[in-house]
Amino acid sequence: MKPVHAFMRLYFIAGTQDCLHLDGDPAQNLLNILQQALQSGITCYQFREKGKKALQDPDKIKALAIQCRDLCRQYQVPFVVNDDVQLAIDIGADGIHVGQTDMAVADVAALCHSHCFIGTSVNTLEQGIAAQANPLIDYFGTGPIFPTQSKEDPKPVVGVDFVSTIRAHGIDKPIVAIGGVTTQTAEELRRRGANGVAVISAITQSADIAKTVKELLGNAQ
């Protein structure tokens, strides 16, 4: 697999809860959106089935995750699972992403670091410094940069300056900026030191996914 920084350029995150604005079956809608995004050039995908409106049946979640994983493999794009370490292990995910309140990184690494890269979320400089110092963490997401409606419990907005602050403190691990990112703001985040951007609604709610992905890639490369 390529170095982690190589596939941070456009990191797509989604689950069925992000597809409820569309008619029809949310799971099929997710698969359709993911395939279009993969065809258009996303560089990484995170399966994030989370929240009250997400699927709750573990068997259905696993079946859908496998379908998403298989799509990613067709396009040779890394497949990441959010939070659910056992699911990541069971279906052979390429990576696992855990938040500050999820399973401890050391425990995650003990279970799957031999075959999964590990990412975490950073919302403060102190968390960023800790993530930099932890050799088990391969990359981290910084944000939310802007207000976002995609998560039920968003952390306080950190703003575009946060990426600059992280880099100014000597933190050089791969960073993906997340939270309300659009085609208009991706370039600014790259200039400030982000390796790429992570988006949810920018793609799931796009009327033209190919165009949106192209613009995000153009701004984030």
N, C-alpha and C. Protein backbone atom coordinates (compact mmCIF):
# COMPACT_ATOMS: atom_id res chain seq x y z
N MET A 1 0.84 -1.20 0.00
CA MET A 1 0.00 0.00 0.00
C MET A 1 0.88 1.25 0.00
N LYS A 2 0.40 2.29 -0.63
CA LYS A 2 1.11 3.56 -0.67
C LYS A 2 1.25 4.14 0.74
N PRO A 3 2.21 5.06 0.94
CA PRO A 3 2.28 5.76 2.23
C PRO A 3 0.96 6.45 2.52
N VAL A 4 0.63 6.58 3.80
CA VAL A 4 -0.66 7.13 4.20
C VAL A 4 -0.91 8.51 3.58
N HIS A 5 0.11 9.37 3.57
CA HIS A 5 -0.11 10.73 3.05
C HIS A 5 -0.54 10.73 1.59
N ALA A 6 -0.22 9.65 0.87
CA ALA A 6 -0.53 9.60 -0.56
C ALA A 6 -2.01 9.47 -0.86
N PHE A 7 -2.79 8.98 0.10
CA PHE A 7 -4.23 8.84 -0.17
C PHE A 7 -5.10 9.72 0.73
N MET A 8 -4.52 10.77 1.28
CA MET A 8 -5.29 11.73 2.07
C MET A 8 -5.90 12.84 1.21
N ARG A 9 -5.55 12.88 -0.06
CA ARG A 9 -5.92 14.02 -0.90
C ARG A 9 -7.42 14.30 -0.89
N LEU A 10 -8.21 13.26 -1.09
CA LEU A 10 -9.67 13.43 -1.02
C LEU A 10 -10.28 12.21 -0.34
N TYR A 11 -10.60 12.39 0.91
CA TYR A 11 -11.02 11.33 1.82
C TYR A 11 -12.54 11.46 1.99
N PHE A 12 -13.27 10.49 1.45
CA PHE A 12 -14.73 10.50 1.50
C PHE A 12 -15.22 9.67 2.68
N ILE A 13 -16.15 10.22 3.44
CA ILE A 13 -16.72 9.55 4.60
C ILE A 13 -18.24 9.50 4.43
N ALA A 14 -18.84 8.34 4.67
CA ALA A 14 -20.31 8.28 4.56
C ALA A 14 -20.85 6.95 5.07
N GLY A 15 -22.14 7.02 5.47
CA GLY A 15 -22.92 5.85 5.83
C GLY A 15 -24.34 6.09 5.36
N THR A 16 -25.23 5.16 5.65
CA THR A 16 -26.61 5.31 5.17
C THR A 16 -27.28 6.54 5.75
N GLN A 17 -26.87 6.95 6.95
CA GLN A 17 -27.48 8.13 7.58
C GLN A 17 -27.23 9.40 6.78
N ASP A 18 -26.25 9.35 5.90
CA ASP A 18 -25.92 10.51 5.07
C ASP A 18 -26.65 10.50 3.72
N CYS A 19 -27.48 9.48 3.52
CA CYS A 19 -28.17 9.32 2.23
C CYS A 19 -29.69 9.37 2.37
N LEU A 20 -30.17 9.80 3.52
CA LEU A 20 -31.61 9.77 3.79
C LEU A 20 -32.38 10.83 3.03
N HIS A 21 -31.69 11.79 2.45
CA HIS A 21 -32.37 12.84 1.67
C HIS A 21 -32.79 12.33 0.29
N LEU A 22 -32.34 11.14 -0.06
CA LEU A 22 -32.65 10.56 -1.37
C LEU A 22 -33.78 9.56 -1.26
N ASP A 23 -34.55 9.42 -2.32
CA ASP A 23 -35.61 8.41 -2.35
C ASP A 23 -34.99 7.02 -2.48
N GLY A 24 -35.72 6.02 -1.99
CA GLY A 24 -35.26 4.66 -2.15
C GLY A 24 -34.51 4.14 -0.94
N ASP A 25 -33.86 3.00 -1.11
CA ASP A 25 -33.15 2.32 -0.04
C ASP A 25 -31.84 3.04 0.28
N PRO A 26 -31.65 3.49 1.52
CA PRO A 26 -30.43 4.23 1.88
C PRO A 26 -29.15 3.44 1.62
N ALA A 27 -29.19 2.12 1.86
CA ALA A 27 -27.99 1.30 1.63
C ALA A 27 -27.61 1.29 0.16
N GLN A 28 -28.59 1.11 -0.70
CA GLN A 28 -28.31 1.11 -2.13
C GLN A 28 -27.87 2.49 -2.60
N ASN A 29 -28.48 3.52 -2.01
CA ASN A 29 -28.07 4.88 -2.36
C ASN A 29 -26.61 5.13 -1.98
N LEU A 30 -26.21 4.62 -0.80
CA LEU A 30 -24.81 4.77 -0.39
C LEU A 30 -23.88 4.08 -1.38
N LEU A 31 -24.24 2.87 -1.78
CA LEU A 31 -23.40 2.13 -2.73
C LEU A 31 -23.31 2.86 -4.07
N ASN A 32 -24.42 3.42 -4.51
CA ASN A 32 -24.42 4.16 -5.78
C ASN A 32 -23.52 5.39 -5.70
N ILE A 33 -23.65 6.12 -4.58
CA ILE A 33 -22.84 7.33 -4.39
C ILE A 33 -21.36 6.96 -4.31
N LEU A 34 -21.06 5.91 -3.54
CA LEU A 34 -19.67 5.49 -3.39
C LEU A 34 -19.06 5.09 -4.73
N GLN A 35 -19.81 4.35 -5.52
CA GLN A 35 -19.28 3.94 -6.82
C GLN A 35 -19.00 5.15 -7.71
N GLN A 36 -19.91 6.09 -7.71
CA GLN A 36 -19.68 7.31 -8.51
C GLN A 36 -18.46 8.07 -8.01
N ALA A 37 -18.32 8.14 -6.69
CA ALA A 37 -17.18 8.85 -6.11
C ALA A 37 -15.86 8.15 -6.44
N LEU A 38 -15.87 6.83 -6.39
CA LEU A 38 -14.68 6.06 -6.74
C LEU A 38 -14.32 6.23 -8.21
N GLN A 39 -15.33 6.17 -9.05
CA GLN A 39 -15.10 6.36 -10.48
C GLN A 39 -14.52 7.75 -10.77
N SER A 40 -14.90 8.70 -9.93
CA SER A 40 -14.50 10.09 -10.15
C SER A 40 -13.13 10.42 -9.58
N GLY A 41 -12.61 9.55 -8.68
CA GLY A 41 -11.25 9.75 -8.23
C GLY A 41 -10.99 10.00 -6.76
N ILE A 42 -11.94 9.71 -5.86
CA ILE A 42 -11.63 9.85 -4.44
C ILE A 42 -10.43 8.97 -4.11
N THR A 43 -9.67 9.36 -3.10
CA THR A 43 -8.43 8.64 -2.79
C THR A 43 -8.52 7.76 -1.55
N CYS A 44 -9.60 7.88 -0.79
CA CYS A 44 -9.80 7.05 0.40
C CYS A 44 -11.28 7.11 0.76
N TYR A 45 -11.80 6.01 1.34
CA TYR A 45 -13.20 6.00 1.78
C TYR A 45 -13.29 5.44 3.19
N GLN A 46 -14.05 6.13 4.03
CA GLN A 46 -14.31 5.67 5.39
C GLN A 46 -15.78 5.31 5.54
N PHE A 47 -16.03 4.06 5.92
CA PHE A 47 -17.38 3.58 6.20
C PHE A 47 -17.74 4.02 7.62
N ARG A 48 -18.66 4.95 7.71
CA ARG A 48 -19.05 5.49 9.02
C ARG A 48 -20.56 5.33 9.19
N GLU A 49 -20.96 4.21 9.73
CA GLU A 49 -22.38 3.91 9.97
C GLU A 49 -22.64 4.21 11.44
N LYS A 50 -23.13 5.42 11.72
CA LYS A 50 -23.14 5.89 13.10
C LYS A 50 -24.29 6.86 13.33
N GLY A 51 -24.90 6.76 14.52
CA GLY A 51 -25.97 7.68 14.87
C GLY A 51 -27.33 7.01 14.92
N LYS A 52 -28.30 7.75 15.42
CA LYS A 52 -29.65 7.20 15.60
C LYS A 52 -30.31 6.81 14.29
N LYS A 53 -29.95 7.49 13.20
CA LYS A 53 -30.59 7.22 11.91
C LYS A 53 -29.82 6.21 11.06
N ALA A 54 -28.73 5.71 11.60
CA ALA A 54 -27.92 4.72 10.88
C ALA A 54 -28.52 3.33 11.05
N LEU A 55 -28.02 2.37 10.30
CA LEU A 55 -28.42 0.98 10.49
C LEU A 55 -28.04 0.55 11.90
N GLN A 56 -28.88 -0.28 12.52
CA GLN A 56 -28.61 -0.74 13.88
C GLN A 56 -28.34 -2.24 13.95
N ASP A 57 -28.76 -2.98 12.93
CA ASP A 57 -28.57 -4.43 12.89
C ASP A 57 -27.12 -4.75 12.51
N PRO A 58 -26.36 -5.39 13.40
CA PRO A 58 -24.95 -5.68 13.10
C PRO A 58 -24.74 -6.48 11.82
N ASP A 59 -25.66 -7.40 11.54
CA ASP A 59 -25.52 -8.22 10.33
C ASP A 59 -25.69 -7.37 9.08
N LYS A 60 -26.64 -6.45 9.11
CA LYS A 60 -26.85 -5.57 7.95
C LYS A 60 -25.68 -4.61 7.78
N ILE A 61 -25.16 -4.13 8.90
CA ILE A 61 -24.00 -3.23 8.85
C ILE A 61 -22.81 -3.95 8.23
N LYS A 62 -22.56 -5.18 8.69
CA LYS A 62 -21.43 -5.94 8.16
C LYS A 62 -21.59 -6.23 6.68
N ALA A 63 -22.80 -6.62 6.28
CA ALA A 63 -23.04 -6.93 4.87
C ALA A 63 -22.81 -5.70 3.99
N LEU A 64 -23.27 -4.55 4.45
CA LEU A 64 -23.08 -3.32 3.68
C LEU A 64 -21.61 -2.92 3.66
N ALA A 65 -20.93 -3.07 4.79
CA ALA A 65 -19.51 -2.74 4.85
C ALA A 65 -18.71 -3.59 3.87
N ILE A 66 -19.06 -4.85 3.75
CA ILE A 66 -18.37 -5.74 2.81
C ILE A 66 -18.58 -5.28 1.38
N GLN A 67 -19.80 -4.86 1.07
CA GLN A 67 -20.08 -4.36 -0.28
C GLN A 67 -19.27 -3.09 -0.57
N CYS A 68 -19.18 -2.22 0.42
CA CYS A 68 -18.39 -1.00 0.25
C CYS A 68 -16.91 -1.34 0.11
N ARG A 69 -16.44 -2.26 0.93
CA ARG A 69 -15.03 -2.70 0.83
C ARG A 69 -14.72 -3.24 -0.55
N ASP A 70 -15.61 -4.07 -1.07
CA ASP A 70 -15.38 -4.68 -2.38
C ASP A 70 -15.34 -3.63 -3.49
N LEU A 71 -16.20 -2.62 -3.38
CA LEU A 71 -16.17 -1.53 -4.36
C LEU A 71 -14.82 -0.81 -4.30
N CYS A 72 -14.36 -0.53 -3.09
CA CYS A 72 -13.07 0.15 -2.94
C CYS A 72 -11.94 -0.67 -3.53
N ARG A 73 -11.99 -1.97 -3.34
CA ARG A 73 -10.93 -2.83 -3.88
C ARG A 73 -10.93 -2.83 -5.41
N GLN A 74 -12.10 -2.72 -6.00
CA GLN A 74 -12.17 -2.65 -7.46
C GLN A 74 -11.38 -1.46 -7.99
N TYR A 75 -11.39 -0.38 -7.22
CA TYR A 75 -10.74 0.85 -7.66
C TYR A 75 -9.40 1.08 -6.96
N GLN A 76 -8.97 0.09 -6.17
CA GLN A 76 -7.69 0.15 -5.45
C GLN A 76 -7.60 1.40 -4.57
N VAL A 77 -8.70 1.65 -3.87
CA VAL A 77 -8.79 2.77 -2.94
C VAL A 77 -8.88 2.23 -1.52
N PRO A 78 -8.09 2.73 -0.58
CA PRO A 78 -8.13 2.23 0.79
C PRO A 78 -9.53 2.34 1.41
N PHE A 79 -9.90 1.29 2.14
CA PHE A 79 -11.20 1.22 2.81
C PHE A 79 -10.96 1.29 4.32
N VAL A 80 -11.57 2.27 4.95
CA VAL A 80 -11.39 2.52 6.38
C VAL A 80 -12.72 2.34 7.10
N VAL A 81 -12.67 1.78 8.30
CA VAL A 81 -13.87 1.64 9.13
C VAL A 81 -13.78 2.62 10.29
N ASN A 82 -14.87 3.30 10.55
CA ASN A 82 -14.93 4.23 11.67
C ASN A 82 -15.28 3.50 12.95
N ASP A 83 -14.40 3.58 13.94
CA ASP A 83 -14.70 3.19 15.31
C ASP A 83 -14.81 1.69 15.58
N ASP A 84 -15.48 0.92 14.72
CA ASP A 84 -15.78 -0.49 14.99
C ASP A 84 -14.57 -1.36 14.65
N VAL A 85 -13.71 -1.54 15.63
CA VAL A 85 -12.45 -2.26 15.41
C VAL A 85 -12.70 -3.71 15.02
N GLN A 86 -13.65 -4.35 15.67
CA GLN A 86 -13.91 -5.75 15.35
C GLN A 86 -14.40 -5.92 13.93
N LEU A 87 -15.25 -5.01 13.48
CA LEU A 87 -15.72 -5.05 12.09
C LEU A 87 -14.54 -4.88 11.14
N ALA A 88 -13.67 -3.94 11.45
CA ALA A 88 -12.50 -3.70 10.59
C ALA A 88 -11.65 -4.96 10.47
N ILE A 89 -11.47 -5.66 11.57
CA ILE A 89 -10.68 -6.90 11.56
C ILE A 89 -11.41 -7.99 10.78
N ASP A 90 -12.69 -8.14 11.06
CA ASP A 90 -13.47 -9.23 10.46
C ASP A 90 -13.52 -9.16 8.94
N ILE A 91 -13.59 -7.94 8.40
CA ILE A 91 -13.75 -7.83 6.95
C ILE A 91 -12.46 -7.39 6.24
N GLY A 92 -11.37 -7.31 6.99
CA GLY A 92 -10.10 -6.99 6.37
C GLY A 92 -9.98 -5.56 5.87
N ALA A 93 -10.41 -4.61 6.69
CA ALA A 93 -10.30 -3.20 6.31
C ALA A 93 -8.83 -2.79 6.22
N ASP A 94 -8.57 -1.78 5.42
CA ASP A 94 -7.20 -1.27 5.29
C ASP A 94 -6.83 -0.36 6.45
N GLY A 95 -7.85 0.28 7.03
CA GLY A 95 -7.58 1.22 8.11
C GLY A 95 -8.73 1.29 9.10
N ILE A 96 -8.45 1.88 10.24
CA ILE A 96 -9.46 2.10 11.27
C ILE A 96 -9.29 3.53 11.78
N HIS A 97 -10.42 4.22 11.96
CA HIS A 97 -10.37 5.59 12.48
C HIS A 97 -11.12 5.63 13.80
N VAL A 98 -10.46 6.14 14.83
CA VAL A 98 -11.09 6.22 16.15
C VAL A 98 -11.03 7.66 16.65
N GLY A 99 -12.10 8.06 17.31
CA GLY A 99 -12.17 9.40 17.89
C GLY A 99 -11.53 9.44 19.26
N GLN A 100 -11.52 10.61 19.87
CA GLN A 100 -10.91 10.79 21.18
C GLN A 100 -11.64 10.01 22.26
N THR A 101 -12.92 9.72 22.05
CA THR A 101 -13.69 9.01 23.08
C THR A 101 -13.96 7.56 22.71
N ASP A 102 -13.38 7.09 21.60
CA ASP A 102 -13.55 5.69 21.21
C ASP A 102 -12.48 4.84 21.89
N MET A 103 -12.30 3.61 21.41
CA MET A 103 -11.30 2.72 21.99
C MET A 103 -9.91 3.36 21.97
N ALA A 104 -9.14 3.14 23.02
CA ALA A 104 -7.79 3.70 23.10
C ALA A 104 -6.95 3.19 21.94
N VAL A 105 -6.12 4.08 21.41
CA VAL A 105 -5.29 3.73 20.25
C VAL A 105 -4.41 2.52 20.53
N ALA A 106 -3.87 2.43 21.74
CA ALA A 106 -3.00 1.29 22.09
C ALA A 106 -3.77 -0.02 21.98
N ASP A 107 -5.02 -0.01 22.40
CA ASP A 107 -5.84 -1.22 22.32
C ASP A 107 -6.17 -1.55 20.87
N VAL A 108 -6.45 -0.51 20.08
CA VAL A 108 -6.72 -0.71 18.66
C VAL A 108 -5.50 -1.33 17.98
N ALA A 109 -4.34 -0.77 18.27
CA ALA A 109 -3.10 -1.25 17.65
C ALA A 109 -2.79 -2.68 18.03
N ALA A 110 -3.07 -3.03 19.29
CA ALA A 110 -2.81 -4.39 19.74
C ALA A 110 -3.64 -5.40 18.96
N LEU A 111 -4.81 -4.96 18.52
CA LEU A 111 -5.71 -5.86 17.80
C LEU A 111 -5.44 -5.91 16.31
N CYS A 112 -5.08 -4.77 15.72
CA CYS A 112 -5.07 -4.77 14.26
C CYS A 112 -3.97 -3.96 13.58
N HIS A 113 -2.99 -3.46 14.31
CA HIS A 113 -2.02 -2.57 13.67
C HIS A 113 -1.14 -3.27 12.64
N SER A 114 -1.05 -4.60 12.73
CA SER A 114 -0.21 -5.32 11.77
C SER A 114 -0.77 -5.24 10.36
N HIS A 115 -2.08 -5.02 10.23
CA HIS A 115 -2.66 -4.97 8.89
C HIS A 115 -3.57 -3.77 8.66
N CYS A 116 -3.66 -2.87 9.64
CA CYS A 116 -4.49 -1.67 9.49
C CYS A 116 -3.69 -0.43 9.85
N PHE A 117 -3.82 0.62 9.05
CA PHE A 117 -3.29 1.90 9.51
C PHE A 117 -4.33 2.52 10.43
N ILE A 118 -3.89 3.40 11.30
CA ILE A 118 -4.77 3.95 12.34
C ILE A 118 -4.81 5.47 12.25
N GLY A 119 -6.02 6.00 12.26
CA GLY A 119 -6.21 7.44 12.29
C GLY A 119 -7.02 7.84 13.50
N THR A 120 -6.89 9.08 13.90
CA THR A 120 -7.68 9.58 15.02
C THR A 120 -8.14 11.00 14.71
N SER A 121 -9.01 11.51 15.56
CA SER A 121 -9.55 12.86 15.38
C SER A 121 -8.90 13.83 16.36
N VAL A 122 -8.60 15.02 15.90
CA VAL A 122 -7.92 16.02 16.71
C VAL A 122 -8.70 17.33 16.66
N ASN A 123 -9.01 17.88 17.84
CA ASN A 123 -9.80 19.10 17.91
C ASN A 123 -9.10 20.21 18.69
N THR A 124 -7.97 19.86 19.30
CA THR A 124 -7.19 20.84 20.06
C THR A 124 -5.71 20.65 19.75
N LEU A 125 -4.93 21.68 20.01
CA LEU A 125 -3.49 21.59 19.80
C LEU A 125 -2.89 20.50 20.69
N GLU A 126 -3.38 20.40 21.92
CA GLU A 126 -2.86 19.39 22.83
C GLU A 126 -3.07 17.98 22.27
N GLN A 127 -4.24 17.76 21.69
CA GLN A 127 -4.51 16.46 21.08
C GLN A 127 -3.59 16.22 19.89
N GLY A 128 -3.33 17.27 19.13
CA GLY A 128 -2.44 17.15 17.98
C GLY A 128 -1.02 16.79 18.39
N ILE A 129 -0.54 17.43 19.45
CA ILE A 129 0.81 17.14 19.95
C ILE A 129 0.89 15.69 20.43
N ALA A 130 -0.17 15.24 21.11
CA ALA A 130 -0.21 13.86 21.60
C ALA A 130 -0.24 12.87 20.44
N ALA A 131 -1.01 13.20 19.40
CA ALA A 131 -1.10 12.32 18.23
C ALA A 131 0.24 12.25 17.50
N GLN A 132 0.93 13.37 17.43
CA GLN A 132 2.25 13.41 16.79
C GLN A 132 3.22 12.51 17.54
N ALA A 133 3.14 12.53 18.87
CA ALA A 133 4.09 11.78 19.70
C ALA A 133 3.78 10.29 19.76
N ASN A 134 2.57 9.91 19.40
CA ASN A 134 2.16 8.51 19.49
C ASN A 134 2.55 7.77 18.21
N PRO A 135 3.51 6.87 18.27
CA PRO A 135 3.97 6.18 17.05
C PRO A 135 2.93 5.25 16.44
N LEU A 136 1.87 4.97 17.17
CA LEU A 136 0.84 4.07 16.68
C LEU A 136 -0.15 4.77 15.76
N ILE A 137 -0.18 6.10 15.80
CA ILE A 137 -1.11 6.88 14.98
C ILE A 137 -0.45 7.25 13.66
N ASP A 138 -1.11 6.89 12.57
CA ASP A 138 -0.55 7.11 11.24
C ASP A 138 -0.98 8.44 10.61
N TYR A 139 -2.17 8.90 10.97
CA TYR A 139 -2.66 10.19 10.44
C TYR A 139 -3.73 10.69 11.38
N PHE A 140 -4.12 11.95 11.23
CA PHE A 140 -5.28 12.40 12.00
C PHE A 140 -6.11 13.42 11.24
N GLY A 141 -7.38 13.41 11.60
CA GLY A 141 -8.32 14.36 11.04
C GLY A 141 -8.43 15.56 11.96
N THR A 142 -8.35 16.76 11.41
CA THR A 142 -8.46 17.98 12.22
C THR A 142 -9.77 18.68 11.89
N GLY A 143 -10.48 19.07 12.94
CA GLY A 143 -11.73 19.77 12.69
C GLY A 143 -12.70 19.63 13.86
N PRO A 144 -13.93 20.07 13.64
CA PRO A 144 -14.46 20.59 12.38
C PRO A 144 -13.89 21.99 12.04
N ILE A 145 -13.48 22.12 10.78
CA ILE A 145 -12.93 23.40 10.33
C ILE A 145 -14.03 24.46 10.26
N PHE A 146 -15.18 24.04 9.73
CA PHE A 146 -16.36 24.91 9.62
C PHE A 146 -17.54 24.20 10.26
N PRO A 147 -18.64 24.90 10.51
CA PRO A 147 -19.84 24.24 11.04
C PRO A 147 -20.29 23.11 10.11
N THR A 148 -20.77 22.02 10.70
CA THR A 148 -21.21 20.88 9.92
C THR A 148 -22.50 20.32 10.47
N GLN A 149 -23.34 19.82 9.58
CA GLN A 149 -24.59 19.18 9.98
C GLN A 149 -24.52 17.67 9.82
N SER A 150 -23.36 17.16 9.40
CA SER A 150 -23.25 15.73 9.09
C SER A 150 -23.08 14.86 10.32
N LYS A 151 -22.75 15.45 11.46
CA LYS A 151 -22.56 14.67 12.68
C LYS A 151 -23.53 15.15 13.74
N GLU A 152 -24.02 14.18 14.54
CA GLU A 152 -25.02 14.51 15.55
C GLU A 152 -24.43 15.28 16.72
N ASP A 153 -23.14 15.08 16.98
CA ASP A 153 -22.52 15.73 18.15
C ASP A 153 -21.20 16.39 17.75
N PRO A 154 -21.25 17.36 16.84
CA PRO A 154 -20.00 17.97 16.38
C PRO A 154 -19.25 18.69 17.49
N LYS A 155 -17.93 18.62 17.41
CA LYS A 155 -17.07 19.34 18.35
C LYS A 155 -17.06 20.82 17.98
N PRO A 156 -16.52 21.67 18.85
CA PRO A 156 -16.43 23.11 18.53
C PRO A 156 -15.63 23.34 17.25
N VAL A 157 -16.07 24.31 16.46
CA VAL A 157 -15.39 24.65 15.22
C VAL A 157 -14.00 25.21 15.53
N VAL A 158 -12.99 24.75 14.76
CA VAL A 158 -11.62 25.20 15.02
C VAL A 158 -11.13 26.24 14.01
N GLY A 159 -11.73 26.30 12.83
CA GLY A 159 -11.35 27.29 11.83
C GLY A 159 -10.12 26.89 11.02
N VAL A 160 -9.91 27.57 9.90
CA VAL A 160 -8.80 27.23 9.00
C VAL A 160 -7.45 27.48 9.65
N ASP A 161 -7.37 28.41 10.58
CA ASP A 161 -6.09 28.71 11.23
C ASP A 161 -5.55 27.54 12.03
N PHE A 162 -6.44 26.63 12.42
CA PHE A 162 -6.01 25.50 13.24
C PHE A 162 -4.99 24.63 12.50
N VAL A 163 -5.18 24.46 11.20
CA VAL A 163 -4.23 23.67 10.42
C VAL A 163 -2.86 24.33 10.45
N SER A 164 -2.82 25.64 10.27
CA SER A 164 -1.56 26.38 10.33
C SER A 164 -0.91 26.24 11.70
N THR A 165 -1.72 26.32 12.74
CA THR A 165 -1.21 26.21 14.11
C THR A 165 -0.58 24.85 14.35
N ILE A 166 -1.26 23.80 13.89
CA ILE A 166 -0.74 22.44 14.03
C ILE A 166 0.64 22.34 13.38
N ARG A 167 0.75 22.82 12.16
CA ARG A 167 2.02 22.73 11.43
C ARG A 167 3.10 23.61 12.08
N ALA A 168 2.70 24.76 12.59
CA ALA A 168 3.66 25.68 13.21
C ALA A 168 4.30 25.08 14.46
N HIS A 169 3.64 24.10 15.06
CA HIS A 169 4.17 23.45 16.25
C HIS A 169 4.96 22.19 15.91
N GLY A 170 5.36 22.06 14.66
CA GLY A 170 6.23 20.96 14.27
C GLY A 170 5.54 19.63 14.07
N ILE A 171 4.24 19.65 14.00
CA ILE A 171 3.48 18.41 13.79
C ILE A 171 3.49 18.11 12.29
N ASP A 172 4.11 16.99 11.92
CA ASP A 172 4.29 16.71 10.50
C ASP A 172 3.62 15.43 10.01
N LYS A 173 2.84 14.79 10.86
CA LYS A 173 2.11 13.61 10.40
C LYS A 173 1.04 14.04 9.39
N PRO A 174 0.61 13.10 8.54
CA PRO A 174 -0.44 13.44 7.58
C PRO A 174 -1.70 13.96 8.26
N ILE A 175 -2.23 15.05 7.73
CA ILE A 175 -3.43 15.68 8.27
C ILE A 175 -4.49 15.76 7.18
N VAL A 176 -5.70 15.39 7.54
CA VAL A 176 -6.83 15.61 6.65
C VAL A 176 -7.80 16.54 7.37
N ALA A 177 -8.17 17.62 6.71
CA ALA A 177 -9.06 18.62 7.32
C ALA A 177 -10.51 18.25 7.04
N ILE A 178 -11.35 18.32 8.06
CA ILE A 178 -12.74 17.88 7.93
C ILE A 178 -13.69 18.88 8.59
N GLY A 179 -14.91 18.89 8.12
CA GLY A 179 -15.95 19.69 8.75
C GLY A 179 -16.38 20.86 7.90
N GLY A 180 -17.45 20.68 7.14
CA GLY A 180 -17.99 21.76 6.34
C GLY A 180 -17.12 22.18 5.17
N VAL A 181 -16.19 21.31 4.76
CA VAL A 181 -15.28 21.64 3.66
C VAL A 181 -16.03 21.61 2.33
N THR A 182 -15.76 22.59 1.49
CA THR A 182 -16.38 22.67 0.17
C THR A 182 -15.29 22.83 -0.89
N THR A 183 -15.72 22.84 -2.15
CA THR A 183 -14.77 23.05 -3.24
C THR A 183 -14.12 24.43 -3.14
N GLN A 184 -14.79 25.36 -2.49
CA GLN A 184 -14.26 26.72 -2.37
C GLN A 184 -13.20 26.85 -1.26
N THR A 185 -13.21 25.92 -0.30
CA THR A 185 -12.31 26.06 0.84
C THR A 185 -11.16 25.05 0.86
N ALA A 186 -11.22 24.04 0.01
CA ALA A 186 -10.20 22.99 0.03
C ALA A 186 -8.81 23.54 -0.27
N GLU A 187 -8.71 24.44 -1.23
CA GLU A 187 -7.41 25.00 -1.61
C GLU A 187 -6.76 25.75 -0.46
N GLU A 188 -7.56 26.52 0.27
CA GLU A 188 -7.03 27.28 1.41
C GLU A 188 -6.47 26.33 2.47
N LEU A 189 -7.16 25.23 2.71
CA LEU A 189 -6.71 24.27 3.71
C LEU A 189 -5.41 23.60 3.27
N ARG A 190 -5.29 23.31 2.00
CA ARG A 190 -4.05 22.74 1.49
C ARG A 190 -2.89 23.72 1.68
N ARG A 191 -3.13 24.97 1.36
CA ARG A 191 -2.07 25.98 1.50
C ARG A 191 -1.60 26.10 2.95
N ARG A 192 -2.49 25.84 3.86
CA ARG A 192 -2.15 25.98 5.28
C ARG A 192 -1.48 24.73 5.85
N GLY A 193 -1.37 23.68 5.03
CA GLY A 193 -0.60 22.52 5.47
C GLY A 193 -1.33 21.20 5.52
N ALA A 194 -2.61 21.17 5.21
CA ALA A 194 -3.33 19.90 5.21
C ALA A 194 -2.89 19.07 4.00
N ASN A 195 -2.75 17.76 4.21
CA ASN A 195 -2.44 16.87 3.09
C ASN A 195 -3.64 16.67 2.18
N GLY A 196 -4.82 16.90 2.74
CA GLY A 196 -6.03 16.76 1.95
C GLY A 196 -7.24 17.14 2.77
N VAL A 197 -8.41 16.88 2.19
CA VAL A 197 -9.66 17.21 2.86
C VAL A 197 -10.56 15.98 2.95
N ALA A 198 -11.36 15.93 3.99
CA ALA A 198 -12.36 14.88 4.16
C ALA A 198 -13.74 15.51 4.04
N VAL A 199 -14.61 14.87 3.30
CA VAL A 199 -15.95 15.42 3.09
C VAL A 199 -17.01 14.34 3.25
N ILE A 200 -18.19 14.77 3.65
CA ILE A 200 -19.36 13.90 3.69
C ILE A 200 -20.40 14.48 2.75
N SER A 201 -21.08 15.53 3.21
CA SER A 201 -22.22 16.07 2.45
C SER A 201 -21.81 16.70 1.12
N ALA A 202 -20.57 17.17 1.01
CA ALA A 202 -20.14 17.77 -0.26
C ALA A 202 -20.32 16.78 -1.40
N ILE A 203 -20.18 15.48 -1.09
CA ILE A 203 -20.37 14.44 -2.11
C ILE A 203 -21.75 13.82 -2.03
N THR A 204 -22.21 13.46 -0.82
CA THR A 204 -23.50 12.76 -0.73
C THR A 204 -24.66 13.63 -1.19
N GLN A 205 -24.53 14.94 -1.07
CA GLN A 205 -25.61 15.84 -1.49
C GLN A 205 -25.32 16.56 -2.80
N SER A 206 -24.29 16.11 -3.48
CA SER A 206 -23.93 16.74 -4.75
C SER A 206 -24.88 16.31 -5.87
N ALA A 207 -25.26 17.27 -6.70
CA ALA A 207 -26.09 16.97 -7.87
C ALA A 207 -25.24 16.43 -9.02
N ASP A 208 -23.93 16.60 -8.92
CA ASP A 208 -23.01 16.13 -9.95
C ASP A 208 -21.73 15.68 -9.26
N ILE A 209 -21.71 14.42 -8.84
CA ILE A 209 -20.59 13.91 -8.04
C ILE A 209 -19.27 13.99 -8.79
N ALA A 210 -19.28 13.65 -10.06
CA ALA A 210 -18.04 13.69 -10.84
C ALA A 210 -17.45 15.10 -10.86
N LYS A 211 -18.29 16.08 -11.04
CA LYS A 211 -17.83 17.48 -11.07
C LYS A 211 -17.30 17.90 -9.71
N THR A 212 -18.04 17.53 -8.65
CA THR A 212 -17.62 17.90 -7.30
C THR A 212 -16.28 17.28 -6.94
N VAL A 213 -16.14 15.99 -7.23
CA VAL A 213 -14.88 15.31 -6.93
C VAL A 213 -13.72 15.92 -7.71
N LYS A 214 -13.95 16.19 -8.96
CA LYS A 214 -12.91 16.82 -9.78
C LYS A 214 -12.47 18.15 -9.19
N GLU A 215 -13.44 18.95 -8.75
CA GLU A 215 -13.12 20.26 -8.18
C GLU A 215 -12.37 20.11 -6.85
N LEU A 216 -12.81 19.16 -6.02
CA LEU A 216 -12.14 18.94 -4.75
C LEU A 216 -10.72 18.43 -4.96
N LEU A 217 -10.54 17.56 -5.91
CA LEU A 217 -9.20 17.06 -6.23
C LEU A 217 -8.32 18.17 -6.78
N GLY A 218 -8.90 19.00 -7.59
CA GLY A 218 -8.14 20.11 -8.17
C GLY A 218 -7.70 21.10 -7.12
N ASN A 219 -8.54 21.26 -6.10
CA ASN A 219 -8.23 22.21 -5.03
C ASN A 219 -7.35 21.60 -3.95
N ALA A 220 -7.36 20.27 -3.86
CA ALA A 220 -6.68 19.64 -2.73
C ALA A 220 -5.40 18.92 -3.11
N GLN A 221 -5.00 18.97 -4.36
CA GLN A 221 -3.81 18.20 -4.74
C GLN A 221 -2.52 19.00 -4.56
